[in-house]
PDB file of N, CA and C in Angstrom:
ATOM      1  N   UNK A   1      14.010  -4.875   9.147  1.00  0.00           N
ATOM      2  CA  UNK A   1      13.050  -3.835   9.326  1.00  0.00           C
ATOM      3  C   UNK A   1      12.772  -3.187   7.753  1.00  0.00           C
ATOM      4  N   UNK A   2      11.608  -2.888   7.713  1.00  0.00           N
ATOM      5  CA  UNK A   2      11.089  -2.374   6.477  1.00  0.00           C
ATOM      6  C   UNK A   2      10.659  -0.946   6.525  1.00  0.00           C
ATOM      7  N   UNK A   3      10.677  -0.322   5.524  1.00  0.00           N
ATOM      8  CA  UNK A   3      10.093   0.991   5.146  1.00  0.00           C
ATOM      9  C   UNK A   3       8.879   0.747   4.198  1.00  0.00           C
ATOM     10  N   UNK A   4       7.706   0.967   4.796  1.00  0.00           N
ATOM     11  CA  UNK A   4       6.504   0.732   3.745  1.00  0.00           C
ATOM     12  C   UNK A   4       6.145   1.788   2.895  1.00  0.00           C
ATOM     13  N   UNK A   5       6.083   1.792   1.736  1.00  0.00           N
ATOM     14  CA  UNK A   5       5.727   2.683   0.800  1.00  0.00           C
ATOM     15  C   UNK A   5       4.444   2.594   0.152  1.00  0.00           C
ATOM     16  N   UNK A   6       3.811   3.401  -0.792  1.00  0.00           N
ATOM     17  CA  UNK A   6       2.599   3.323  -1.451  1.00  0.00           C
ATOM     18  C   UNK A   6       2.184   1.893  -2.000  1.00  0.00           C
ATOM     19  N   UNK A   7       3.255   1.446  -2.719  1.00  0.00           N
ATOM     20  CA  UNK A   7       2.863   0.198  -3.640  1.00  0.00           C
ATOM     21  C   UNK A   7       3.912  -0.752  -3.559  1.00  0.00           C
ATOM     22  N   UNK A   8       4.820  -0.667  -2.499  1.00  0.00           N
ATOM     23  CA  UNK A   8       6.053  -1.463  -2.288  1.00  0.00           C
ATOM     24  C   UNK A   8       6.621  -1.205  -0.873  1.00  0.00           C
ATOM     25  N   UNK A   9       7.645  -1.989  -0.641  1.00  0.00           N
ATOM     26  CA  UNK A   9       8.367  -1.693   0.720  1.00  0.00           C
ATOM     27  C   UNK A   9       9.777  -1.951   0.481  1.00  0.00           C
ATOM     28  N   UNK A  10      10.513  -1.251   1.274  1.00  0.00           N
ATOM     29  CA  UNK A  10      11.804  -1.184   1.171  1.00  0.00           C
ATOM     30  C   UNK A  10      12.683  -1.889   2.246  1.00  0.00           C
ATOM     31  N   UNK A  11      13.464  -2.871   2.130  1.00  0.00           N
ATOM     32  CA  UNK A  11      14.220  -3.385   3.210  1.00  0.00           C
ATOM     33  C   UNK A  11      15.314  -2.644   3.664  1.00  0.00           C
ATOM     34  N   UNK A  12      15.356  -2.283   4.970  1.00  0.00           N
ATOM     35  CA  UNK A  12      16.137  -1.558   5.627  1.00  0.00           C
ATOM     36  C   UNK A  12      17.194  -2.334   6.381  1.00  0.00           C
ATOM     37  N   UNK A  13      16.705  -3.638   7.021  1.00  0.00           N
ATOM     38  CA  UNK A  13      17.470  -4.550   7.632  1.00  0.00           C
ATOM     39  C   UNK A  13      17.091  -5.932   7.175  1.00  0.00           C
ATOM     40  N   UNK A  14      18.037  -6.778   6.643  1.00  0.00           N
ATOM     41  CA  UNK A  14      17.658  -8.055   6.334  1.00  0.00           C
ATOM     42  C   UNK A  14      17.053  -8.857   7.089  1.00  0.00           C
ATOM     43  N   UNK A  15      16.076  -9.555   6.794  1.00  0.00           N
ATOM     44  CA  UNK A  15      15.318 -10.672   7.616  1.00  0.00           C
ATOM     45  C   UNK A  15      14.353 -11.337   6.771  1.00  0.00           C
ATOM     46  N   UNK A  16      13.717 -12.441   7.268  1.00  0.00           N
ATOM     47  CA  UNK A  16      12.795 -13.106   6.487  1.00  0.00           C
ATOM     48  C   UNK A  16      11.349 -12.953   6.592  1.00  0.00           C
ATOM     49  N   UNK A  17      11.026 -12.233   7.712  1.00  0.00           N
ATOM     50  CA  UNK A  17       9.596 -11.848   8.070  1.00  0.00           C
ATOM     51  C   UNK A  17       9.552 -10.553   8.906  1.00  0.00           C
ATOM     52  N   UNK A  18       8.178 -10.257   9.045  1.00  0.00           N
ATOM     53  CA  UNK A  18       7.777  -9.065   9.879  1.00  0.00           C
ATOM     54  C   UNK A  18       6.742  -9.607  10.760  1.00  0.00           C
ATOM     55  N   UNK A  19       6.304  -8.885  11.748  1.00  0.00           N
ATOM     56  CA  UNK A  19       5.099  -9.217  12.672  1.00  0.00           C
ATOM     57  C   UNK A  19       4.010  -8.335  12.263  1.00  0.00           C
ATOM     58  N   UNK A  20       2.683  -9.031  12.282  1.00  0.00           N
ATOM     59  CA  UNK A  20       1.477  -8.162  12.130  1.00  0.00           C
ATOM     60  C   UNK A  20       1.360  -7.314  13.324  1.00  0.00           C
ATOM     61  N   UNK A  21       1.184  -6.158  13.176  1.00  0.00           N
ATOM     62  CA  UNK A  21       0.578  -5.295  14.219  1.00  0.00           C
ATOM     63  C   UNK A  21      -0.305  -5.537  15.111  1.00  0.00           C
ATOM     64  N   UNK A  22      -1.291  -6.298  14.562  1.00  0.00           N
ATOM     65  CA  UNK A  22      -2.589  -6.477  15.239  1.00  0.00           C
ATOM     66  C   UNK A  22      -2.489  -8.028  15.832  1.00  0.00           C
ATOM     67  N   UNK A  23      -2.031  -8.930  15.078  1.00  0.00           N
ATOM     68  CA  UNK A  23      -1.892 -10.436  15.666  1.00  0.00           C
ATOM     69  C   UNK A  23      -0.763 -10.880  16.417  1.00  0.00           C
ATOM     70  N   UNK A  24       0.252 -10.215  15.976  1.00  0.00           N
ATOM     71  CA  UNK A  24       1.780 -10.542  16.418  1.00  0.00           C
ATOM     72  C   UNK A  24       2.125 -11.750  15.291  1.00  0.00           C
ATOM     73  N   UNK A  25       1.468 -12.187  14.484  1.00  0.00           N
ATOM     74  CA  UNK A  25       1.859 -13.366  13.522  1.00  0.00           C
ATOM     75  C   UNK A  25       2.981 -12.976  12.766  1.00  0.00           C
ATOM     76  N   UNK A  26       3.956 -13.946  12.538  1.00  0.00           N
ATOM     77  CA  UNK A  26       4.932 -13.796  11.593  1.00  0.00           C
ATOM     78  C   UNK A  26       4.532 -13.720  10.261  1.00  0.00           C
ATOM     79  N   UNK A  27       4.916 -12.975   9.487  1.00  0.00           N
ATOM     80  CA  UNK A  27       4.515 -12.683   7.948  1.00  0.00           C
ATOM     81  C   UNK A  27       5.792 -12.802   7.057  1.00  0.00           C
ATOM     82  N   UNK A  28       5.780 -13.884   6.375  1.00  0.00           N
ATOM     83  CA  UNK A  28       6.975 -14.040   5.455  1.00  0.00           C
ATOM     84  C   UNK A  28       7.015 -12.857   4.494  1.00  0.00           C
ATOM     85  N   UNK A  29       8.156 -12.139   4.093  1.00  0.00           N
ATOM     86  CA  UNK A  29       8.234 -11.041   3.362  1.00  0.00           C
ATOM     87  C   UNK A  29       7.494 -11.396   1.974  1.00  0.00           C
ATOM     88  N   UNK A  30       7.698 -12.737   1.463  1.00  0.00           N
ATOM     89  CA  UNK A  30       7.151 -13.007   0.164  1.00  0.00           C
ATOM     90  C   UNK A  30       5.616 -13.087   0.059  1.00  0.00           C
ATOM     91  N   UNK A  31       5.121 -13.168   1.416  1.00  0.00           N
ATOM     92  CA  UNK A  31       3.465 -13.197   1.415  1.00  0.00           C
ATOM     93  C   UNK A  31       3.058 -11.737   2.003  1.00  0.00           C
ATOM     94  N   UNK A  32       3.890 -10.746   2.195  1.00  0.00           N
ATOM     95  CA  UNK A  32       3.498  -9.477   2.774  1.00  0.00           C
ATOM     96  C   UNK A  32       2.552  -8.887   1.569  1.00  0.00           C
ATOM     97  N   UNK A  33       1.379  -8.655   1.983  1.00  0.00           N
ATOM     98  CA  UNK A  33       0.415  -7.862   1.140  1.00  0.00           C
ATOM     99  C   UNK A  33      -0.347  -6.572   1.701  1.00  0.00           C
ATOM    100  N   UNK A  34      -0.320  -6.705   2.851  1.00  0.00           N
ATOM    101  CA  UNK A  34      -1.107  -5.612   3.578  1.00  0.00           C
ATOM    102  C   UNK A  34      -0.306  -4.743   4.527  1.00  0.00           C
ATOM    103  N   UNK A  35      -0.511  -3.460   4.445  1.00  0.00           N
ATOM    104  CA  UNK A  35       0.442  -2.567   5.419  1.00  0.00           C
ATOM    105  C   UNK A  35      -0.241  -1.267   5.362  1.00  0.00           C
ATOM    106  N   UNK A  36       0.372  -0.457   6.247  1.00  0.00           N
ATOM    107  CA  UNK A  36      -0.019   0.973   6.520  1.00  0.00           C
ATOM    108  C   UNK A  36       1.211   1.806   6.300  1.00  0.00           C
ATOM    109  N   UNK A  37       1.161   2.593   5.238  1.00  0.00           N
ATOM    110  CA  UNK A  37       2.147   3.690   5.050  1.00  0.00           C
ATOM    111  C   UNK A  37       2.157   4.623   6.005  1.00  0.00           C
ATOM    112  N   UNK A  38       0.961   5.139   6.485  1.00  0.00           N
ATOM    113  CA  UNK A  38       1.012   6.007   7.689  1.00  0.00           C
ATOM    114  C   UNK A  38       1.565   5.621   8.956  1.00  0.00           C
ATOM    115  N   UNK A  39       1.080   4.338   9.174  1.00  0.00           N
ATOM    116  CA  UNK A  39       1.560   3.902  10.617  1.00  0.00           C
ATOM    117  C   UNK A  39       2.928   3.347  10.620  1.00  0.00           C
ATOM    118  N   UNK A  40       3.288   2.776   9.375  1.00  0.00           N
ATOM    119  CA  UNK A  40       4.528   2.028   9.103  1.00  0.00           C
ATOM    120  C   UNK A  40       4.226   0.593   9.777  1.00  0.00           C
ATOM    121  N   UNK A  41       3.211   0.088   9.711  1.00  0.00           N
ATOM    122  CA  UNK A  41       2.838  -1.433  10.229  1.00  0.00           C
ATOM    123  C   UNK A  41       2.479  -2.314   9.156  1.00  0.00           C
ATOM    124  N   UNK A  42       2.816  -3.602   9.373  1.00  0.00           N
ATOM    125  CA  UNK A  42       2.228  -4.730   8.488  1.00  0.00           C
ATOM    126  C   UNK A  42       1.191  -5.336   9.084  1.00  0.00           C
ATOM    127  N   UNK A  43       0.352  -6.002   8.316  1.00  0.00           N
ATOM    128  CA  UNK A  43      -0.880  -6.788   8.680  1.00  0.00           C
ATOM    129  C   UNK A  43      -0.893  -8.197   7.849  1.00  0.00           C
ATOM    130  N   UNK A  44      -1.198  -9.265   8.755  1.00  0.00           N
ATOM    131  CA  UNK A  44      -1.147 -10.641   8.096  1.00  0.00           C
ATOM    132  C   UNK A  44      -2.330 -10.746   6.920  1.00  0.00           C
ATOM    133  N   UNK A  45      -3.357 -10.045   7.208  1.00  0.00           N
ATOM    134  CA  UNK A  45      -4.564 -10.233   6.260  1.00  0.00           C
ATOM    135  C   UNK A  45      -5.485  -8.922   6.166  1.00  0.00           C
ATOM    136  N   UNK A  46      -6.384  -8.998   5.271  1.00  0.00           N
ATOM    137  CA  UNK A  46      -7.231  -7.643   5.133  1.00  0.00           C
ATOM    138  C   UNK A  46      -8.065  -7.673   6.497  1.00  0.00           C
ATOM    139  N   UNK A  47      -8.429  -8.609   7.133  1.00  0.00           N
ATOM    140  CA  UNK A  47      -9.120  -8.451   8.309  1.00  0.00           C
ATOM    141  C   UNK A  47      -8.518  -7.714   9.272  1.00  0.00           C
ATOM    142  N   UNK A  48      -7.315  -8.069   9.482  1.00  0.00           N
ATOM    143  CA  UNK A  48      -6.371  -7.409  10.479  1.00  0.00           C
ATOM    144  C   UNK A  48      -6.000  -5.908  10.079  1.00  0.00           C
ATOM    145  N   UNK A  49      -6.017  -5.618   8.906  1.00  0.00           N
ATOM    146  CA  UNK A  49      -5.839  -4.271   8.342  1.00  0.00           C
ATOM    147  C   UNK A  49      -6.999  -3.446   8.645  1.00  0.00           C
ATOM    148  N   UNK A  50      -8.071  -3.980   8.476  1.00  0.00           N
ATOM    149  CA  UNK A  50      -9.469  -3.335   8.856  1.00  0.00           C
ATOM    150  C   UNK A  50      -9.437  -3.167  10.338  1.00  0.00           C
ATOM    151  N   UNK A  51      -9.101  -4.030  11.093  1.00  0.00           N
ATOM    152  CA  UNK A  51      -9.205  -4.026  12.549  1.00  0.00           C
ATOM    153  C   UNK A  51      -8.227  -2.747  12.964  1.00  0.00           C
ATOM    154  N   UNK A  52      -7.094  -2.534  12.373  1.00  0.00           N
ATOM    155  CA  UNK A  52      -6.173  -1.486  12.695  1.00  0.00           C
ATOM    156  C   UNK A  52      -6.688  -0.133  12.230  1.00  0.00           C
ATOM    157  N   UNK A  53      -7.341  -0.061  11.008  1.00  0.00           N
ATOM    158  CA  UNK A  53      -7.841   1.127  10.653  1.00  0.00           C
ATOM    159  C   UNK A  53      -8.975   1.411  11.718  1.00  0.00           C
ATOM    160  N   UNK A  54      -9.944   0.668  12.062  1.00  0.00           N
ATOM    161  CA  UNK A  54     -10.986   0.917  13.001  1.00  0.00           C
ATOM    162  C   UNK A  54     -10.516   1.531  14.251  1.00  0.00           C
ATOM    163  N   UNK A  55      -9.448   0.803  14.770  1.00  0.00           N
ATOM    164  CA  UNK A  55      -8.729   1.204  16.080  1.00  0.00           C
ATOM    165  C   UNK A  55      -8.334   2.692  15.751  1.00  0.00           C
ATOM    166  N   UNK A  56      -7.357   2.817  14.661  1.00  0.00           N
ATOM    167  CA  UNK A  56      -6.728   4.273  14.213  1.00  0.00           C
ATOM    168  C   UNK A  56      -8.021   5.268  14.389  1.00  0.00           C
ATOM    169  N   UNK A  57      -9.086   4.996  13.729  1.00  0.00           N
ATOM    170  CA  UNK A  57     -10.167   5.859  13.573  1.00  0.00           C
ATOM    171  C   UNK A  57     -10.890   6.259  15.104  1.00  0.00           C
ATOM    172  N   UNK A  58     -10.898   5.146  15.838  1.00  0.00           N
ATOM    173  CA  UNK A  58     -11.446   5.157  17.243  1.00  0.00           C
ATOM    174  C   UNK A  58     -10.425   6.188  18.212  1.00  0.00           C
ATOM    175  N   UNK A  59      -9.251   6.151  17.860  1.00  0.00           N
ATOM    176  CA  UNK A  59      -8.110   6.975  18.471  1.00  0.00           C
ATOM    177  C   UNK A  59      -8.048   8.269  18.039  1.00  0.00           C
ATOM    178  N   UNK A  60      -8.816   8.704  16.858  1.00  0.00           N
ATOM    179  CA  UNK A  60      -8.874   9.985  16.393  1.00  0.00           C
ATOM    180  C   UNK A  60      -7.835  10.368  15.406  1.00  0.00           C
ATOM    181  N   UNK A  61      -7.217   9.319  14.795  1.00  0.00           N
ATOM    182  CA  UNK A  61      -6.121   9.411  13.797  1.00  0.00           C
ATOM    183  C   UNK A  61      -6.817   9.764  12.470  1.00  0.00           C
ATOM    184  N   UNK A  62      -6.458  10.700  11.920  1.00  0.00           N
ATOM    185  CA  UNK A  62      -7.039  11.236  10.665  1.00  0.00           C
ATOM    186  C   UNK A  62      -6.961  10.319   9.369  1.00  0.00           C
ATOM    187  N   UNK A  63      -7.976  10.051   8.679  1.00  0.00           N
ATOM    188  CA  UNK A  63      -7.923   9.235   7.501  1.00  0.00           C
ATOM    189  C   UNK A  63      -8.911   9.889   6.593  1.00  0.00           C
TER     190      UNK A  63
END
């Protein structure tokens, strides 16, 4: 389990990977580059991050 911060993340519970909030794909912590601080979600790549942002906007979440 991680806490996503502005430019880093904090490991709250030890593990090797997190799951992408969009695709469900496993992301090794050493490869984690994309996440949302507001939604506390990880994304496998920029495309998945943009898809999540578009969905959040469609749901009326403020950005």
